[in-house]
Every structure is written in structure tokens, then in C-alpha cells.
Amino acid sequence: MKFTFDVSKCDRIFDELLKHENIHLSHAIPSAEELKRYAYCKWHNSFSHATNDCNIFRRQIQSTVDERRLVLSEMQVDKTPFHVHTLELNNPKVLIRPDQAEGAKGKNIVIGDSRLMNANDKILPEKL
């Protein structure tokens, strides 16, 4: 199934739907302190996976979007969006070290910093 929304925001979508009473639960959601280091699905009341990774919840949201019963752009989910790192796939570039740059002139490259050469610099050259 193709999703037309950002599936990484399922947890926040769930919270918004719960806050506006679009979802009614038969269970209590553990506190943030209780969930600190555990994956937890609010939809299933389960520690087997996270809400963001819940395929059933994703499908349910997509179904309500497709049926026009839910319009995500009206929700508060994106008022403080996550930073997104994007890749330019139409003109990809490769990061190389300066000592490799001579042979790659004219190609789609980005020249990075030289590799540090001693133990005091924390990064040692690769052993071949």
C-alpha cells in the first residue's frame, strides 16, 4: 500500500486524533517515563512495535484519508515539523577525499576533508 502521508508522524497523528476524541481507547497509555526506552504501539497497547511502525494503524489512517474522512493538512501535526534531510537524486554527487580528487575531475563529486593521519587526531587511516 502506498501512503500519502508521512508515516514517521503516526505517533503524532495518533495523539492529535486522541486529543480531539476521534479515537476512543479501551486502555490507558503508559506515561512517557514508563515508555522511555521501549517501543510501544498506542493503537495496539503493545510493546512489540512502535506506533510509527504500526502497519495496521498506517493503513487505517490511509483508508480514512482516501475516504476523505480525515484531512491531515488541517491537523496540528506539522505545526512544528521534523527536520528532513533530502537527497538530490537527479544529480547525485559522491563525497571523496582530496587525494582522490585529481582522477575524478569533471564528475559529480564533492571534495571532503583529508583523512586525519595520527592517533592524536582520533581517526586513523584505513589499514589495507
N, C-alpha and C. Protein backbone atom coordinates (compact mmCIF):
# COMPACT_ATOMS: atom_id res chain seq x y z
N MET A 1 0.84 -1.19 0.00
CA MET A 1 0.00 0.00 0.00
C MET A 1 0.88 1.24 0.00
N LYS A 2 0.54 2.20 -0.83
CA LYS A 2 1.27 3.46 -0.87
C LYS A 2 0.59 4.46 0.06
N PHE A 3 1.39 5.10 0.89
CA PHE A 3 0.86 6.06 1.85
C PHE A 3 1.05 7.48 1.32
N THR A 4 0.04 8.30 1.48
CA THR A 4 0.10 9.68 1.00
C THR A 4 0.39 10.65 2.14
N PHE A 5 0.83 10.13 3.26
CA PHE A 5 1.19 10.97 4.40
C PHE A 5 2.52 10.49 4.94
N ASP A 6 3.11 11.28 5.79
CA ASP A 6 4.41 10.97 6.38
C ASP A 6 4.22 9.93 7.49
N VAL A 7 4.57 8.67 7.21
CA VAL A 7 4.35 7.60 8.18
C VAL A 7 5.21 7.77 9.43
N SER A 8 6.26 8.57 9.37
CA SER A 8 7.08 8.81 10.55
C SER A 8 6.36 9.67 11.58
N LYS A 9 5.19 10.18 11.22
CA LYS A 9 4.42 11.03 12.14
C LYS A 9 3.17 10.32 12.67
N CYS A 10 3.12 8.99 12.53
CA CYS A 10 1.95 8.25 13.01
C CYS A 10 1.70 8.47 14.50
N ASP A 11 2.76 8.52 15.28
CA ASP A 11 2.60 8.74 16.72
C ASP A 11 1.94 10.09 16.99
N ARG A 12 2.37 11.11 16.29
CA ARG A 12 1.80 12.45 16.47
C ARG A 12 0.37 12.52 15.93
N ILE A 13 0.11 11.82 14.82
CA ILE A 13 -1.25 11.76 14.27
C ILE A 13 -2.17 11.09 15.29
N PHE A 14 -1.69 9.99 15.86
CA PHE A 14 -2.48 9.30 16.88
C PHE A 14 -2.81 10.25 18.03
N ASP A 15 -1.80 10.97 18.53
CA ASP A 15 -2.02 11.90 19.65
C ASP A 15 -3.06 12.96 19.31
N GLU A 16 -3.00 13.50 18.10
CA GLU A 16 -3.97 14.52 17.68
C GLU A 16 -5.38 13.93 17.59
N LEU A 17 -5.49 12.75 17.03
CA LEU A 17 -6.80 12.11 16.92
C LEU A 17 -7.38 11.80 18.30
N LEU A 18 -6.54 11.38 19.21
CA LEU A 18 -6.98 11.09 20.58
C LEU A 18 -7.40 12.38 21.29
N LYS A 19 -6.61 13.42 21.13
CA LYS A 19 -6.90 14.70 21.77
C LYS A 19 -8.25 15.26 21.33
N HIS A 20 -8.57 15.08 20.06
CA HIS A 20 -9.84 15.61 19.51
C HIS A 20 -10.96 14.58 19.55
N GLU A 21 -10.71 13.51 20.30
CA GLU A 21 -11.70 12.44 20.52
C GLU A 21 -12.18 11.77 19.24
N ASN A 22 -11.28 11.68 18.26
CA ASN A 22 -11.57 10.91 17.05
C ASN A 22 -11.23 9.44 17.25
N ILE A 23 -10.47 9.15 18.30
CA ILE A 23 -10.12 7.79 18.67
C ILE A 23 -10.57 7.60 20.12
N HIS A 24 -11.17 6.47 20.39
CA HIS A 24 -11.56 6.12 21.76
C HIS A 24 -10.85 4.83 22.13
N LEU A 25 -10.16 4.84 23.26
CA LEU A 25 -9.37 3.69 23.68
C LEU A 25 -10.02 2.94 24.82
N SER A 26 -9.78 1.65 24.86
CA SER A 26 -10.24 0.85 25.98
C SER A 26 -9.10 0.58 26.95
N HIS A 27 -7.96 1.20 26.71
CA HIS A 27 -6.78 1.02 27.56
C HIS A 27 -6.16 2.37 27.87
N ALA A 28 -5.37 2.40 28.92
CA ALA A 28 -4.63 3.62 29.29
C ALA A 28 -3.25 3.55 28.67
N ILE A 29 -2.79 4.65 28.14
CA ILE A 29 -1.45 4.72 27.55
C ILE A 29 -0.45 4.98 28.68
N PRO A 30 0.59 4.16 28.76
CA PRO A 30 1.60 4.38 29.81
C PRO A 30 2.22 5.78 29.70
N SER A 31 2.73 6.25 30.82
CA SER A 31 3.37 7.58 30.84
C SER A 31 4.65 7.58 30.02
N ALA A 32 5.08 8.77 29.64
CA ALA A 32 6.32 8.92 28.87
C ALA A 32 7.50 8.32 29.64
N GLU A 33 7.49 8.44 30.95
CA GLU A 33 8.56 7.88 31.77
C GLU A 33 8.58 6.35 31.68
N GLU A 34 7.40 5.74 31.67
CA GLU A 34 7.31 4.28 31.56
C GLU A 34 7.76 3.79 30.18
N LEU A 35 7.58 4.63 29.18
CA LEU A 35 7.91 4.24 27.80
C LEU A 35 9.31 4.64 27.38
N LYS A 36 10.05 5.22 28.28
CA LYS A 36 11.31 5.87 27.96
C LYS A 36 12.19 5.12 26.95
N ARG A 37 12.47 3.87 27.17
CA ARG A 37 13.39 3.15 26.29
C ARG A 37 12.74 1.99 25.55
N TYR A 38 11.44 2.03 25.42
CA TYR A 38 10.74 0.91 24.81
C TYR A 38 9.91 1.35 23.61
N ALA A 39 9.81 0.47 22.65
CA ALA A 39 8.87 0.69 21.55
C ALA A 39 7.49 0.37 22.10
N TYR A 40 6.50 1.20 21.75
CA TYR A 40 5.15 0.98 22.24
C TYR A 40 4.16 1.45 21.18
N CYS A 41 3.19 0.60 20.88
CA CYS A 41 2.14 0.97 19.94
C CYS A 41 0.90 1.38 20.72
N LYS A 42 0.55 2.65 20.59
CA LYS A 42 -0.62 3.18 21.28
C LYS A 42 -1.90 2.57 20.73
N TRP A 43 -1.91 2.22 19.46
CA TRP A 43 -3.10 1.65 18.82
C TRP A 43 -3.38 0.24 19.37
N HIS A 44 -2.32 -0.57 19.50
CA HIS A 44 -2.48 -1.95 19.95
C HIS A 44 -2.23 -2.17 21.44
N ASN A 45 -1.80 -1.13 22.14
CA ASN A 45 -1.43 -1.28 23.55
C ASN A 45 -0.41 -2.41 23.69
N SER A 46 0.66 -2.30 22.89
CA SER A 46 1.63 -3.38 22.80
C SER A 46 3.06 -2.84 22.80
N PHE A 47 3.94 -3.60 23.43
CA PHE A 47 5.36 -3.24 23.43
C PHE A 47 6.12 -3.98 22.33
N SER A 48 5.42 -4.58 21.39
CA SER A 48 6.10 -5.33 20.32
C SER A 48 6.56 -4.44 19.17
N HIS A 49 6.02 -3.24 19.06
CA HIS A 49 6.41 -2.31 18.00
C HIS A 49 5.95 -0.90 18.39
N ALA A 50 6.46 0.10 17.70
CA ALA A 50 6.10 1.49 17.97
C ALA A 50 4.91 1.91 17.11
N THR A 51 4.20 2.92 17.56
CA THR A 51 3.05 3.44 16.79
C THR A 51 3.50 3.87 15.40
N ASN A 52 4.66 4.50 15.30
CA ASN A 52 5.18 4.93 13.99
C ASN A 52 5.42 3.76 13.04
N ASP A 53 5.63 2.57 13.58
CA ASP A 53 5.91 1.39 12.77
C ASP A 53 4.70 0.48 12.59
N CYS A 54 3.54 0.91 13.07
CA CYS A 54 2.35 0.06 13.06
C CYS A 54 1.68 0.08 11.68
N ASN A 55 1.81 -1.04 10.96
CA ASN A 55 1.22 -1.13 9.62
C ASN A 55 -0.30 -1.05 9.65
N ILE A 56 -0.91 -1.62 10.64
CA ILE A 56 -2.38 -1.58 10.72
C ILE A 56 -2.86 -0.15 10.95
N PHE A 57 -2.19 0.59 11.85
CA PHE A 57 -2.59 1.98 12.08
C PHE A 57 -2.34 2.82 10.81
N ARG A 58 -1.22 2.59 10.15
CA ARG A 58 -0.92 3.31 8.90
C ARG A 58 -2.03 3.08 7.88
N ARG A 59 -2.42 1.82 7.72
CA ARG A 59 -3.48 1.50 6.75
C ARG A 59 -4.81 2.14 7.15
N GLN A 60 -5.10 2.15 8.44
CA GLN A 60 -6.34 2.76 8.91
C GLN A 60 -6.35 4.27 8.60
N ILE A 61 -5.23 4.92 8.84
CA ILE A 61 -5.13 6.35 8.54
C ILE A 61 -5.25 6.58 7.04
N GLN A 62 -4.55 5.79 6.24
CA GLN A 62 -4.62 5.96 4.79
C GLN A 62 -6.04 5.74 4.29
N SER A 63 -6.73 4.77 4.85
CA SER A 63 -8.11 4.50 4.46
C SER A 63 -9.02 5.70 4.75
N THR A 64 -8.86 6.31 5.91
CA THR A 64 -9.69 7.47 6.26
C THR A 64 -9.33 8.69 5.41
N VAL A 65 -8.06 8.79 5.02
CA VAL A 65 -7.64 9.87 4.11
C VAL A 65 -8.26 9.64 2.73
N ASP A 66 -8.17 8.41 2.23
CA ASP A 66 -8.72 8.08 0.91
C ASP A 66 -10.23 8.32 0.86
N GLU A 67 -10.91 8.03 1.95
CA GLU A 67 -12.36 8.22 2.02
C GLU A 67 -12.76 9.66 2.35
N ARG A 68 -11.74 10.51 2.50
CA ARG A 68 -11.92 11.93 2.81
C ARG A 68 -12.61 12.17 4.15
N ARG A 69 -12.46 11.20 5.05
CA ARG A 69 -12.97 11.37 6.41
C ARG A 69 -11.93 12.03 7.31
N LEU A 70 -10.69 12.09 6.84
CA LEU A 70 -9.60 12.70 7.58
C LEU A 70 -8.76 13.53 6.63
N VAL A 71 -8.52 14.79 7.00
CA VAL A 71 -7.67 15.68 6.22
C VAL A 71 -6.49 16.05 7.11
N LEU A 72 -5.34 15.45 6.82
CA LEU A 72 -4.17 15.64 7.68
C LEU A 72 -3.64 17.06 7.64
N SER A 73 -3.84 17.78 6.55
CA SER A 73 -3.31 19.15 6.47
C SER A 73 -3.99 20.08 7.47
N GLU A 74 -5.17 19.70 7.97
CA GLU A 74 -5.87 20.52 8.95
C GLU A 74 -5.44 20.22 10.38
N MET A 75 -4.67 19.15 10.55
CA MET A 75 -4.24 18.76 11.90
C MET A 75 -3.03 19.58 12.33
N GLN A 76 -2.74 19.56 13.61
CA GLN A 76 -1.62 20.30 14.17
C GLN A 76 -0.30 19.54 14.08
N VAL A 77 -0.28 18.44 13.37
CA VAL A 77 0.91 17.58 13.31
C VAL A 77 2.10 18.30 12.73
N ASP A 78 1.91 19.11 11.71
CA ASP A 78 3.03 19.76 11.04
C ASP A 78 3.28 21.20 11.47
N LYS A 79 2.72 21.62 12.58
CA LYS A 79 2.98 22.99 13.04
C LYS A 79 4.43 23.16 13.47
N THR A 80 5.05 22.11 13.97
CA THR A 80 6.48 22.09 14.26
C THR A 80 7.07 20.85 13.62
N PRO A 81 7.25 20.88 12.29
CA PRO A 81 7.68 19.69 11.58
C PRO A 81 9.10 19.25 11.95
N PHE A 82 9.34 17.97 11.75
CA PHE A 82 10.69 17.44 11.94
C PHE A 82 11.57 17.97 10.82
N HIS A 83 12.85 18.08 11.11
CA HIS A 83 13.79 18.44 10.06
C HIS A 83 13.95 17.24 9.15
N VAL A 84 13.90 17.47 7.88
CA VAL A 84 14.00 16.38 6.91
C VAL A 84 15.27 16.58 6.10
N HIS A 85 16.06 15.52 6.01
CA HIS A 85 17.25 15.55 5.18
C HIS A 85 16.86 15.01 3.82
N THR A 86 17.13 15.76 2.78
CA THR A 86 16.75 15.32 1.45
C THR A 86 18.00 15.02 0.63
N LEU A 87 17.84 14.12 -0.29
CA LEU A 87 18.91 13.76 -1.21
C LEU A 87 18.53 14.23 -2.60
N GLU A 88 19.47 14.76 -3.32
CA GLU A 88 19.24 15.16 -4.70
C GLU A 88 19.51 13.95 -5.57
N LEU A 89 18.45 13.32 -6.06
CA LEU A 89 18.61 12.10 -6.82
C LEU A 89 18.74 12.34 -8.32
N ASN A 90 18.40 13.54 -8.79
CA ASN A 90 18.52 13.83 -10.22
C ASN A 90 19.97 14.09 -10.62
N ASN A 91 20.77 14.58 -9.71
CA ASN A 91 22.15 14.90 -10.00
C ASN A 91 23.00 14.49 -8.80
N PRO A 92 23.09 13.18 -8.51
CA PRO A 92 23.79 12.74 -7.30
C PRO A 92 25.27 13.04 -7.35
N LYS A 93 25.83 13.30 -6.19
CA LYS A 93 27.26 13.57 -6.08
C LYS A 93 27.86 12.58 -5.10
N VAL A 94 29.14 12.32 -5.26
CA VAL A 94 29.87 11.40 -4.40
C VAL A 94 30.88 12.21 -3.61
N LEU A 95 30.97 11.93 -2.30
CA LEU A 95 31.94 12.58 -1.45
C LEU A 95 33.25 11.82 -1.52
N ILE A 96 34.33 12.52 -1.85
CA ILE A 96 35.65 11.87 -1.94
C ILE A 96 36.66 12.70 -1.17
N ARG A 97 37.80 12.10 -0.90
CA ARG A 97 38.89 12.80 -0.22
C ARG A 97 39.74 13.57 -1.23
N PRO A 98 40.41 14.62 -0.77
CA PRO A 98 41.22 15.44 -1.70
C PRO A 98 42.25 14.64 -2.48
N ASP A 99 42.84 13.60 -1.87
CA ASP A 99 43.87 12.83 -2.58
C ASP A 99 43.27 12.00 -3.72
N GLN A 100 41.95 11.88 -3.78
CA GLN A 100 41.29 11.15 -4.86
C GLN A 100 40.73 12.10 -5.91
N ALA A 101 40.75 13.38 -5.65
CA ALA A 101 40.06 14.36 -6.49
C ALA A 101 40.66 14.50 -7.88
N GLU A 102 41.96 14.36 -8.04
CA GLU A 102 42.60 14.56 -9.34
C GLU A 102 42.00 13.66 -10.41
N GLY A 103 41.81 12.40 -10.11
CA GLY A 103 41.28 11.46 -11.09
C GLY A 103 39.79 11.58 -11.32
N ALA A 104 39.11 12.39 -10.52
CA ALA A 104 37.65 12.48 -10.63
C ALA A 104 37.20 13.83 -11.16
N LYS A 105 38.10 14.64 -11.67
CA LYS A 105 37.73 15.97 -12.17
C LYS A 105 36.67 15.86 -13.26
N GLY A 106 35.70 16.76 -13.19
CA GLY A 106 34.65 16.80 -14.18
C GLY A 106 33.48 15.88 -13.88
N LYS A 107 33.58 15.12 -12.82
CA LYS A 107 32.49 14.21 -12.45
C LYS A 107 31.68 14.84 -11.32
N ASN A 108 30.55 14.27 -11.01
CA ASN A 108 29.70 14.78 -9.93
C ASN A 108 30.28 14.38 -8.58
N ILE A 109 31.15 15.24 -8.05
CA ILE A 109 31.83 14.93 -6.79
C ILE A 109 31.74 16.12 -5.85
N VAL A 110 31.91 15.82 -4.58
CA VAL A 110 32.10 16.82 -3.54
C VAL A 110 33.38 16.42 -2.86
N ILE A 111 34.32 17.35 -2.75
CA ILE A 111 35.61 17.04 -2.15
C ILE A 111 35.53 17.35 -0.66
N GLY A 112 35.77 16.33 0.16
CA GLY A 112 35.71 16.48 1.61
C GLY A 112 37.05 16.81 2.19
N ASP A 113 37.14 16.69 3.51
CA ASP A 113 38.38 16.96 4.23
C ASP A 113 39.32 15.78 4.10
N SER A 114 40.61 16.06 4.28
CA SER A 114 41.61 14.99 4.28
C SER A 114 41.39 14.11 5.50
N ARG A 115 41.74 12.84 5.36
CA ARG A 115 41.64 11.93 6.49
C ARG A 115 42.78 12.24 7.44
N LEU A 116 42.48 12.31 8.74
CA LEU A 116 43.50 12.61 9.73
C LEU A 116 44.46 11.43 9.83
N MET A 117 45.73 11.74 10.10
CA MET A 117 46.75 10.71 9.94
C MET A 117 47.41 10.20 11.21
N ASN A 118 47.03 10.65 12.41
CA ASN A 118 47.70 10.09 13.59
C ASN A 118 46.71 9.86 14.73
N ALA A 119 47.15 9.15 15.75
CA ALA A 119 46.28 8.76 16.85
C ALA A 119 45.75 9.97 17.62
N ASN A 120 46.51 11.06 17.67
CA ASN A 120 46.05 12.26 18.38
C ASN A 120 44.86 12.91 17.68
N ASP A 121 44.74 12.68 16.38
CA ASP A 121 43.63 13.25 15.63
C ASP A 121 42.36 12.40 15.72
N LYS A 122 42.41 11.29 16.43
CA LYS A 122 41.28 10.40 16.71
C LYS A 122 40.85 9.51 15.56
N ILE A 123 41.14 9.85 14.34
CA ILE A 123 40.78 8.99 13.20
C ILE A 123 42.05 8.54 12.53
N LEU A 124 42.21 7.26 12.39
CA LEU A 124 43.41 6.72 11.79
C LEU A 124 43.10 6.29 10.35
N PRO A 125 44.12 6.31 9.48
CA PRO A 125 43.87 5.85 8.11
C PRO A 125 43.51 4.37 8.11
N GLU A 126 42.76 3.98 7.09
CA GLU A 126 42.38 2.57 6.98
C GLU A 126 43.60 1.73 6.70
N LYS A 127 43.63 0.57 7.29
CA LYS A 127 44.73 -0.37 7.03
C LYS A 127 44.33 -1.21 5.83
N LEU A 128 45.21 -1.32 4.87
CA LEU A 128 44.93 -2.11 3.67
C LEU A 128 45.60 -3.44 3.74
